[in-house]
Amino acid sequence: MALLKLKKTQFAYDETPVVKDFDLVINERQIISIMGPSGCGKSTVLRLIAGLEKPTSGTCLFDGKPLEKPSPELRYCFQDYDAFPWKVVRKNLLLAGATEEKSEITFNIDDLLGKIGLAEHYKKYPAELSGGMRKRLALGRCLAAKPKLILLDEPFSSLDVDARCEMYTLLQTLWSEWHCVFVIVTHDIHEAILLSQRILISEPLPFRTKALIDIPFKYPRHESISTTEEYLSIAHRVRELLQPVRNTKKS
């Protein structure tokens, strides 16, 4: 059974169509990136998947059931850093669902601190962390209760190159150990190829599928794949698909 299934999903603000006849099937243990021109409706699609918006028409099923409201099995990591600024790292993770006991349905707090690389910083407040560490905390908060699906909206756009590389490695490590589903909205072609099994590219507004590209590289993936002919070919194709349609009609 597909974990997530959208069929002929449509959404409009007032009378402006934002998502049109959108179909998507995501099975368990997948990472998919969503790309498209700015303002094409990518974040709206995430909000529909998260249950934060209801489709105007069509269906949106999560784990076989209509997604009519946010589910504890699904977490949404917004573009901004996701944490309570008045709580230290440890408290933030506990409030997000981690526990002090060993459990199969949630992460143990000490195990989670170790996995996200914040074991030595558990007493710090978010403002005392570097940008990369704050992103690790945001990801940890999403992971804490072991949801089946995590939505990431431009998760690493504010980080420098080194911090991004660290997060790419961390995300792959967590996925390989736990096999949740990640849906990532990104504008970064390298990020999409490095992390994803599939890349969905949208047409300009309203959001609808222009192309769905399978990425063949095995995990774990390293920066070295960017020098291969296969990577360069995929990157070129994605870049071409993201180019705006040029009006060649003569006046």
C-alpha atoms as a PDB file:
ATOM      1  CA  MET A   1       0.000   0.000   0.000  1.00  0.00           C
ATOM      2  CA  ALA A   2       1.201   3.485  -0.841  1.00  0.00           C
ATOM      3  CA  LEU A   3       1.972   5.603   2.200  1.00  0.00           C
ATOM      4  CA  LEU A   4       0.825   8.764   0.438  1.00  0.00           C
ATOM      5  CA  LYS A   5      -1.506   9.044  -2.528  1.00  0.00           C
ATOM      6  CA  LEU A   6      -2.842  12.175  -4.184  1.00  0.00           C
ATOM      7  CA  LYS A   7      -5.263  11.772  -7.094  1.00  0.00           C
ATOM      8  CA  LYS A   8      -6.550  14.617  -9.282  1.00  0.00           C
ATOM      9  CA  THR A   9      -5.877  16.932  -6.361  1.00  0.00           C
ATOM     10  CA  GLN A  10      -6.789  20.557  -6.907  1.00  0.00           C
ATOM     11  CA  PHE A  11      -6.528  23.612  -4.683  1.00  0.00           C
ATOM     12  CA  ALA A  12      -7.394  27.265  -5.177  1.00  0.00           C
ATOM     13  CA  TYR A  13      -7.047  30.472  -3.158  1.00  0.00           C
ATOM     14  CA  ASP A  14     -10.271  32.359  -3.754  1.00  0.00           C
ATOM     15  CA  GLU A  15     -10.691  31.669  -7.473  1.00  0.00           C
ATOM     16  CA  THR A  16      -6.985  31.409  -8.320  1.00  0.00           C
ATOM     17  CA  PRO A  17      -5.926  27.821  -9.106  1.00  0.00           C
ATOM     18  CA  VAL A  18      -2.727  26.902  -7.235  1.00  0.00           C
ATOM     19  CA  VAL A  19      -2.660  23.109  -7.665  1.00  0.00           C
ATOM     20  CA  LYS A  20      -4.300  21.456 -10.683  1.00  0.00           C
ATOM     21  CA  ASP A  21      -5.015  17.769 -11.371  1.00  0.00           C
ATOM     22  CA  PHE A  22      -2.003  16.658  -9.344  1.00  0.00           C
ATOM     23  CA  ASP A  23      -1.295  12.936  -8.967  1.00  0.00           C
ATOM     24  CA  LEU A  24       1.395  11.522  -6.685  1.00  0.00           C
ATOM     25  CA  VAL A  25       2.100   8.118  -5.168  1.00  0.00           C
ATOM     26  CA  ILE A  26       4.844   7.682  -2.557  1.00  0.00           C
ATOM     27  CA  ASN A  27       5.639   4.264  -1.139  1.00  0.00           C
ATOM     28  CA  GLU A  28       7.427   3.556   2.118  1.00  0.00           C
ATOM     29  CA  ARG A  29      11.209   4.066   2.412  1.00  0.00           C
ATOM     30  CA  GLN A  30      11.459   6.791  -0.219  1.00  0.00           C
ATOM     31  CA  ILE A  31      13.044  10.208  -0.516  1.00  0.00           C
ATOM     32  CA  ILE A  32      11.495  12.495  -3.104  1.00  0.00           C
ATOM     33  CA  SER A  33      12.367  16.092  -3.956  1.00  0.00           C
ATOM     34  CA  ILE A  34       9.907  18.600  -5.379  1.00  0.00           C
ATOM     35  CA  MET A  35      11.279  21.346  -7.624  1.00  0.00           C
ATOM     36  CA  GLY A  36       9.768  24.060  -9.777  1.00  0.00           C
ATOM     37  CA  PRO A  37       9.764  27.784 -10.528  1.00  0.00           C
ATOM     38  CA  SER A  38       9.342  30.194  -7.629  1.00  0.00           C
ATOM     39  CA  GLY A  39       5.679  30.702  -6.805  1.00  0.00           C
ATOM     40  CA  CYS A  40       4.498  27.547  -8.597  1.00  0.00           C
ATOM     41  CA  GLY A  41       2.741  26.128  -5.518  1.00  0.00           C
ATOM     42  CA  LYS A  42       5.389  23.815  -4.010  1.00  0.00           C
ATOM     43  CA  SER A  43       4.800  24.904  -0.422  1.00  0.00           C
ATOM     44  CA  THR A  44       1.038  24.658  -0.938  1.00  0.00           C
ATOM     45  CA  VAL A  45       1.476  21.018  -1.978  1.00  0.00           C
ATOM     46  CA  LEU A  46       3.387  20.385   1.259  1.00  0.00           C
ATOM     47  CA  ARG A  47       0.581  22.015   3.237  1.00  0.00           C
ATOM     48  CA  LEU A  48      -1.956  19.765   1.503  1.00  0.00           C
ATOM     49  CA  ILE A  49       0.136  16.686   2.305  1.00  0.00           C
ATOM     50  CA  ALA A  50       0.515  17.868   5.901  1.00  0.00           C
ATOM     51  CA  GLY A  51      -3.242  18.260   6.317  1.00  0.00           C
ATOM     52  CA  LEU A  52      -2.874  21.998   6.906  1.00  0.00           C
ATOM     53  CA  GLU A  53      -4.998  22.737   3.822  1.00  0.00           C
ATOM     54  CA  LYS A  54      -7.896  20.791   2.347  1.00  0.00           C
ATOM     55  CA  PRO A  55      -8.014  20.168  -1.393  1.00  0.00           C
ATOM     56  CA  THR A  56     -10.697  21.964  -3.365  1.00  0.00           C
ATOM     57  CA  SER A  57     -11.311  18.667  -5.155  1.00  0.00           C
ATOM     58  CA  GLY A  58      -9.651  15.291  -5.604  1.00  0.00           C
ATOM     59  CA  THR A  59      -8.293  12.997  -2.914  1.00  0.00           C
ATOM     60  CA  CYS A  60      -5.340  13.013  -0.559  1.00  0.00           C
ATOM     61  CA  LEU A  61      -4.750   9.746   1.291  1.00  0.00           C
ATOM     62  CA  PHE A  62      -2.164   9.110   3.994  1.00  0.00           C
ATOM     63  CA  ASP A  63      -1.662   5.498   5.065  1.00  0.00           C
ATOM     64  CA  GLY A  64      -4.879   4.593   3.239  1.00  0.00           C
ATOM     65  CA  LYS A  65      -7.055   7.175   5.021  1.00  0.00           C
ATOM     66  CA  PRO A  66      -8.272  10.626   3.915  1.00  0.00           C
ATOM     67  CA  LEU A  67      -5.885  13.279   5.187  1.00  0.00           C
ATOM     68  CA  GLU A  68      -8.298  15.781   6.698  1.00  0.00           C
ATOM     69  CA  LYS A  69      -6.128  17.150   9.502  1.00  0.00           C
ATOM     70  CA  PRO A  70      -2.487  16.993  10.697  1.00  0.00           C
ATOM     71  CA  SER A  71      -1.390  13.529  11.813  1.00  0.00           C
ATOM     72  CA  PRO A  72       1.153  12.610  14.532  1.00  0.00           C
ATOM     73  CA  GLU A  73       2.605  10.174  11.972  1.00  0.00           C
ATOM     74  CA  LEU A  74       3.555  13.109   9.771  1.00  0.00           C
ATOM     75  CA  ARG A  75       5.836  16.034  10.608  1.00  0.00           C
ATOM     76  CA  TYR A  76       6.397  19.294   8.743  1.00  0.00           C
ATOM     77  CA  CYS A  77       9.719  21.122   9.083  1.00  0.00           C
ATOM     78  CA  PHE A  78       9.202  24.734   8.012  1.00  0.00           C
ATOM     79  CA  GLN A  79      11.847  26.957   6.413  1.00  0.00           C
ATOM     80  CA  ASP A  80      12.508  28.768   9.696  1.00  0.00           C
ATOM     81  CA  TYR A  81      14.334  27.064  12.550  1.00  0.00           C
ATOM     82  CA  ASP A  82      11.821  24.875  14.374  1.00  0.00           C
ATOM     83  CA  ALA A  83      12.368  25.065  18.137  1.00  0.00           C
ATOM     84  CA  PHE A  84      11.098  26.718  21.299  1.00  0.00           C
ATOM     85  CA  PRO A  85      13.675  29.465  21.973  1.00  0.00           C
ATOM     86  CA  TRP A  86      13.014  29.432  25.744  1.00  0.00           C
ATOM     87  CA  LYS A  87      13.744  25.680  26.069  1.00  0.00           C
ATOM     88  CA  VAL A  88      17.161  23.993  25.987  1.00  0.00           C
ATOM     89  CA  VAL A  89      17.949  21.385  23.339  1.00  0.00           C
ATOM     90  CA  ARG A  90      17.015  18.407  25.526  1.00  0.00           C
ATOM     91  CA  LYS A  91      13.659  19.895  26.526  1.00  0.00           C
ATOM     92  CA  ASN A  92      12.902  20.785  22.893  1.00  0.00           C
ATOM     93  CA  LEU A  93      13.370  17.175  21.841  1.00  0.00           C
ATOM     94  CA  LEU A  94      11.330  15.813  24.749  1.00  0.00           C
ATOM     95  CA  LEU A  95       8.473  18.183  23.929  1.00  0.00           C
ATOM     96  CA  ALA A  96       8.607  16.963  20.329  1.00  0.00           C
ATOM     97  CA  GLY A  97       8.016  13.362  21.408  1.00  0.00           C
ATOM     98  CA  ALA A  98      11.345  11.853  22.448  1.00  0.00           C
ATOM     99  CA  THR A  99      11.265   9.888  25.715  1.00  0.00           C
ATOM    100  CA  GLU A 100      13.691   9.072  28.501  1.00  0.00           C
ATOM    101  CA  GLU A 101      12.807   5.378  28.195  1.00  0.00           C
ATOM    102  CA  LYS A 102      13.718   2.910  25.469  1.00  0.00           C
ATOM    103  CA  SER A 103      10.839   2.540  23.022  1.00  0.00           C
ATOM    104  CA  GLU A 104      10.186   1.291  19.507  1.00  0.00           C
ATOM    105  CA  ILE A 105       7.599   3.969  18.780  1.00  0.00           C
ATOM    106  CA  THR A 106       9.624   7.033  19.832  1.00  0.00           C
ATOM    107  CA  PHE A 107      13.295   7.920  20.024  1.00  0.00           C
ATOM    108  CA  ASN A 108      15.117   7.697  23.321  1.00  0.00           C
ATOM    109  CA  ILE A 109      16.346  11.203  24.097  1.00  0.00           C
ATOM    110  CA  ASP A 110      19.996  10.244  24.605  1.00  0.00           C
ATOM    111  CA  ASP A 111      20.041   8.115  21.462  1.00  0.00           C
ATOM    112  CA  LEU A 112      18.496  10.946  19.457  1.00  0.00           C
ATOM    113  CA  LEU A 113      20.962  13.522  20.800  1.00  0.00           C
ATOM    114  CA  GLY A 114      23.771  11.252  19.671  1.00  0.00           C
ATOM    115  CA  LYS A 115      22.277  10.637  16.223  1.00  0.00           C
ATOM    116  CA  ILE A 116      21.876  14.346  15.458  1.00  0.00           C
ATOM    117  CA  GLY A 117      25.275  15.270  16.886  1.00  0.00           C
ATOM    118  CA  LEU A 118      24.053  17.398  19.789  1.00  0.00           C
ATOM    119  CA  ALA A 119      24.970  15.150  22.738  1.00  0.00           C
ATOM    120  CA  GLU A 120      27.461  17.721  24.032  1.00  0.00           C
ATOM    121  CA  HIS A 121      25.077  20.634  23.548  1.00  0.00           C
ATOM    122  CA  TYR A 122      21.918  19.368  25.238  1.00  0.00           C
ATOM    123  CA  LYS A 123      21.910  22.149  27.858  1.00  0.00           C
ATOM    124  CA  LYS A 124      22.153  24.971  25.328  1.00  0.00           C
ATOM    125  CA  TYR A 125      19.322  27.183  24.157  1.00  0.00           C
ATOM    126  CA  PRO A 126      18.661  27.390  20.390  1.00  0.00           C
ATOM    127  CA  ALA A 127      20.142  30.897  20.224  1.00  0.00           C
ATOM    128  CA  GLU A 128      23.444  29.508  21.537  1.00  0.00           C
ATOM    129  CA  LEU A 129      23.755  27.030  18.653  1.00  0.00           C
ATOM    130  CA  SER A 130      25.317  27.574  15.239  1.00  0.00           C
ATOM    131  CA  GLY A 131      23.062  27.595  12.180  1.00  0.00           C
ATOM    132  CA  GLY A 132      23.990  24.009  11.363  1.00  0.00           C
ATOM    133  CA  MET A 133      23.301  22.855  14.907  1.00  0.00           C
ATOM    134  CA  ARG A 134      19.917  24.600  14.906  1.00  0.00           C
ATOM    135  CA  LYS A 135      19.016  22.733  11.722  1.00  0.00           C
ATOM    136  CA  ARG A 136      20.089  19.498  13.416  1.00  0.00           C
ATOM    137  CA  LEU A 137      17.778  20.361  16.294  1.00  0.00           C
ATOM    138  CA  ALA A 138      14.904  21.106  13.896  1.00  0.00           C
ATOM    139  CA  LEU A 139      15.428  17.762  12.165  1.00  0.00           C
ATOM    140  CA  GLY A 140      15.678  16.026  15.549  1.00  0.00           C
ATOM    141  CA  ARG A 141      12.353  17.523  16.616  1.00  0.00           C
ATOM    142  CA  CYS A 142      10.772  16.085  13.464  1.00  0.00           C
ATOM    143  CA  LEU A 143      12.301  12.673  14.140  1.00  0.00           C
ATOM    144  CA  ALA A 144      11.572  12.520  17.869  1.00  0.00           C
ATOM    145  CA  ALA A 145       8.253  10.658  17.724  1.00  0.00           C
ATOM    146  CA  LYS A 146       9.328   8.471  14.764  1.00  0.00           C
ATOM    147  CA  PRO A 147       6.720   9.648  12.250  1.00  0.00           C
ATOM    148  CA  LYS A 148       6.253   7.790   8.977  1.00  0.00           C
ATOM    149  CA  LEU A 149       6.623  10.896   6.803  1.00  0.00           C
ATOM    150  CA  ILE A 150       8.657  14.081   7.184  1.00  0.00           C
ATOM    151  CA  LEU A 151       8.100  17.138   4.994  1.00  0.00           C
ATOM    152  CA  LEU A 152      11.064  19.483   4.588  1.00  0.00           C
ATOM    153  CA  ASP A 153      10.526  22.928   3.030  1.00  0.00           C
ATOM    154  CA  GLU A 154      13.851  24.395   1.823  1.00  0.00           C
ATOM    155  CA  PRO A 155      15.496  22.801   4.877  1.00  0.00           C
ATOM    156  CA  PHE A 156      19.137  23.729   4.249  1.00  0.00           C
ATOM    157  CA  SER A 157      18.901  26.947   2.211  1.00  0.00           C
ATOM    158  CA  SER A 158      20.265  29.149   5.008  1.00  0.00           C
ATOM    159  CA  LEU A 159      23.391  27.052   5.629  1.00  0.00           C
ATOM    160  CA  ASP A 160      26.904  27.464   4.244  1.00  0.00           C
ATOM    161  CA  VAL A 161      28.408  24.785   2.005  1.00  0.00           C
ATOM    162  CA  ASP A 162      30.149  22.839   4.779  1.00  0.00           C
ATOM    163  CA  ALA A 163      27.077  22.792   7.015  1.00  0.00           C
ATOM    164  CA  ARG A 164      24.924  21.656   4.091  1.00  0.00           C
ATOM    165  CA  CYS A 165      27.258  18.743   3.379  1.00  0.00           C
ATOM    166  CA  GLU A 166      27.052  17.714   7.034  1.00  0.00           C
ATOM    167  CA  MET A 167      23.251  17.794   6.886  1.00  0.00           C
ATOM    168  CA  TYR A 168      23.168  15.774   3.667  1.00  0.00           C
ATOM    169  CA  THR A 169      25.238  13.058   5.346  1.00  0.00           C
ATOM    170  CA  LEU A 170      23.118  13.177   8.498  1.00  0.00           C
ATOM    171  CA  LEU A 171      19.835  12.899   6.626  1.00  0.00           C
ATOM    172  CA  GLN A 172      21.057   9.898   4.621  1.00  0.00           C
ATOM    173  CA  THR A 173      22.345   8.215   7.789  1.00  0.00           C
ATOM    174  CA  LEU A 174      19.058   8.702   9.622  1.00  0.00           C
ATOM    175  CA  TRP A 175      17.062   7.467   6.629  1.00  0.00           C
ATOM    176  CA  SER A 176      19.237   4.357   6.204  1.00  0.00           C
ATOM    177  CA  GLU A 177      18.775   3.422   9.871  1.00  0.00           C
ATOM    178  CA  TRP A 178      15.087   4.206  10.128  1.00  0.00           C
ATOM    179  CA  HIS A 179      13.626   4.231   6.592  1.00  0.00           C
ATOM    180  CA  CYS A 180      11.026   6.932   7.048  1.00  0.00           C
ATOM    181  CA  VAL A 181       9.802   8.880   4.006  1.00  0.00           C
ATOM    182  CA  PHE A 182      11.203  12.333   3.278  1.00  0.00           C
ATOM    183  CA  VAL A 183       9.533  14.820   0.914  1.00  0.00           C
ATOM    184  CA  ILE A 184      11.855  17.761   0.280  1.00  0.00           C
ATOM    185  CA  VAL A 185      11.053  21.043  -1.450  1.00  0.00           C
ATOM    186  CA  THR A 186      14.262  22.550  -2.787  1.00  0.00           C
ATOM    187  CA  HIS A 187      15.644  24.891  -5.453  1.00  0.00           C
ATOM    188  CA  ASP A 188      19.082  23.250  -5.277  1.00  0.00           C
ATOM    189  CA  ILE A 189      19.671  20.762  -8.106  1.00  0.00           C
ATOM    190  CA  HIS A 190      22.711  19.189  -6.433  1.00  0.00           C
ATOM    191  CA  GLU A 191      20.791  18.725  -3.189  1.00  0.00           C
ATOM    192  CA  ALA A 192      17.908  17.055  -5.019  1.00  0.00           C
ATOM    193  CA  ILE A 193      20.149  14.632  -6.924  1.00  0.00           C
ATOM    194  CA  LEU A 194      22.318  13.811  -3.919  1.00  0.00           C
ATOM    195  CA  LEU A 195      19.418  13.051  -1.578  1.00  0.00           C
ATOM    196  CA  SER A 196      16.504  11.821  -3.671  1.00  0.00           C
ATOM    197  CA  GLN A 197      15.343   8.654  -5.332  1.00  0.00           C
ATOM    198  CA  ARG A 198      12.972  10.713  -7.468  1.00  0.00           C
ATOM    199  CA  ILE A 199      12.723  14.358  -8.441  1.00  0.00           C
ATOM    200  CA  LEU A 200       9.301  15.782  -9.273  1.00  0.00           C
ATOM    201  CA  ILE A 201       9.418  18.954 -11.353  1.00  0.00           C
ATOM    202  CA  SER A 202       6.375  21.195 -11.593  1.00  0.00           C
ATOM    203  CA  GLU A 203       5.079  23.454 -14.313  1.00  0.00           C
ATOM    204  CA  PRO A 204       4.683  27.146 -13.423  1.00  0.00           C
ATOM    205  CA  LEU A 205       1.562  28.063 -11.424  1.00  0.00           C
ATOM    206  CA  PRO A 206      -0.737  26.205 -11.056  1.00  0.00           C
ATOM    207  CA  PHE A 207       1.300  23.297  -9.683  1.00  0.00           C
ATOM    208  CA  ARG A 208       1.132  20.193 -11.869  1.00  0.00           C
ATOM    209  CA  THR A 209       3.681  17.565 -12.800  1.00  0.00           C
ATOM    210  CA  LYS A 210       5.992  18.438 -15.674  1.00  0.00           C
ATOM    211  CA  ALA A 211       8.436  15.550 -15.194  1.00  0.00           C
ATOM    212  CA  LEU A 212       9.304  12.805 -12.723  1.00  0.00           C
ATOM    213  CA  ILE A 213      12.957  11.768 -12.812  1.00  0.00           C
ATOM    214  CA  ASP A 214      14.361   8.616 -11.214  1.00  0.00           C
ATOM    215  CA  ILE A 215      17.816   8.977  -9.624  1.00  0.00           C
ATOM    216  CA  PRO A 216      19.828   5.727  -9.971  1.00  0.00           C
ATOM    217  CA  PHE A 217      22.676   6.218  -7.473  1.00  0.00           C
ATOM    218  CA  LYS A 218      22.904   3.883  -4.477  1.00  0.00           C
ATOM    219  CA  TYR A 219      23.016   5.144  -0.892  1.00  0.00           C
ATOM    220  CA  PRO A 220      25.033   6.391   0.830  1.00  0.00           C
ATOM    221  CA  ARG A 221      25.825   9.070  -1.725  1.00  0.00           C
ATOM    222  CA  HIS A 222      28.894  11.268  -1.534  1.00  0.00           C
ATOM    223  CA  GLU A 223      29.862  14.529  -3.178  1.00  0.00           C
ATOM    224  CA  SER A 224      32.086  12.550  -5.570  1.00  0.00           C
ATOM    225  CA  ILE A 225      29.055  11.501  -7.648  1.00  0.00           C
ATOM    226  CA  SER A 226      28.882  15.081  -8.972  1.00  0.00           C
ATOM    227  CA  THR A 227      31.864  14.369 -11.238  1.00  0.00           C
ATOM    228  CA  THR A 228      30.258  11.383 -12.981  1.00  0.00           C
ATOM    229  CA  GLU A 229      28.774  11.579 -16.463  1.00  0.00           C
ATOM    230  CA  GLU A 230      25.470  10.192 -15.209  1.00  0.00           C
ATOM    231  CA  TYR A 231      25.171  12.921 -12.567  1.00  0.00           C
ATOM    232  CA  LEU A 232      26.052  15.642 -15.070  1.00  0.00           C
ATOM    233  CA  SER A 233      23.465  14.297 -17.520  1.00  0.00           C
ATOM    234  CA  ILE A 234      20.733  14.293 -14.869  1.00  0.00           C
ATOM    235  CA  ALA A 235      21.704  17.769 -13.648  1.00  0.00           C
ATOM    236  CA  HIS A 236      21.561  19.083 -17.231  1.00  0.00           C
ATOM    237  CA  ARG A 237      18.114  17.571 -17.753  1.00  0.00           C
ATOM    238  CA  VAL A 238      16.759  19.010 -14.500  1.00  0.00           C
ATOM    239  CA  ARG A 239      18.226  22.419 -15.324  1.00  0.00           C
ATOM    240  CA  GLU A 240      16.588  22.372 -18.755  1.00  0.00           C
ATOM    241  CA  LEU A 241      13.226  21.387 -17.291  1.00  0.00           C
ATOM    242  CA  LEU A 242      13.408  24.217 -14.763  1.00  0.00           C
ATOM    243  CA  GLN A 243      14.049  26.834 -17.454  1.00  0.00           C
ATOM    244  CA  PRO A 244      11.092  29.163 -18.045  1.00  0.00           C
ATOM    245  CA  VAL A 245       9.234  28.647 -21.301  1.00  0.00           C
ATOM    246  CA  ARG A 246      10.432  31.242 -23.775  1.00  0.00           C
ATOM    247  CA  ASN A 247       7.904  32.932 -25.975  1.00  0.00           C
ATOM    248  CA  THR A 248       9.280  32.501 -29.505  1.00  0.00           C
ATOM    249  CA  LYS A 249       6.233  34.001 -31.238  1.00  0.00           C
ATOM    250  CA  LYS A 250       7.207  36.991 -33.362  1.00  0.00           C
ATOM    251  CA  SER A 251       5.321  40.228 -32.907  1.00  0.00           C
END
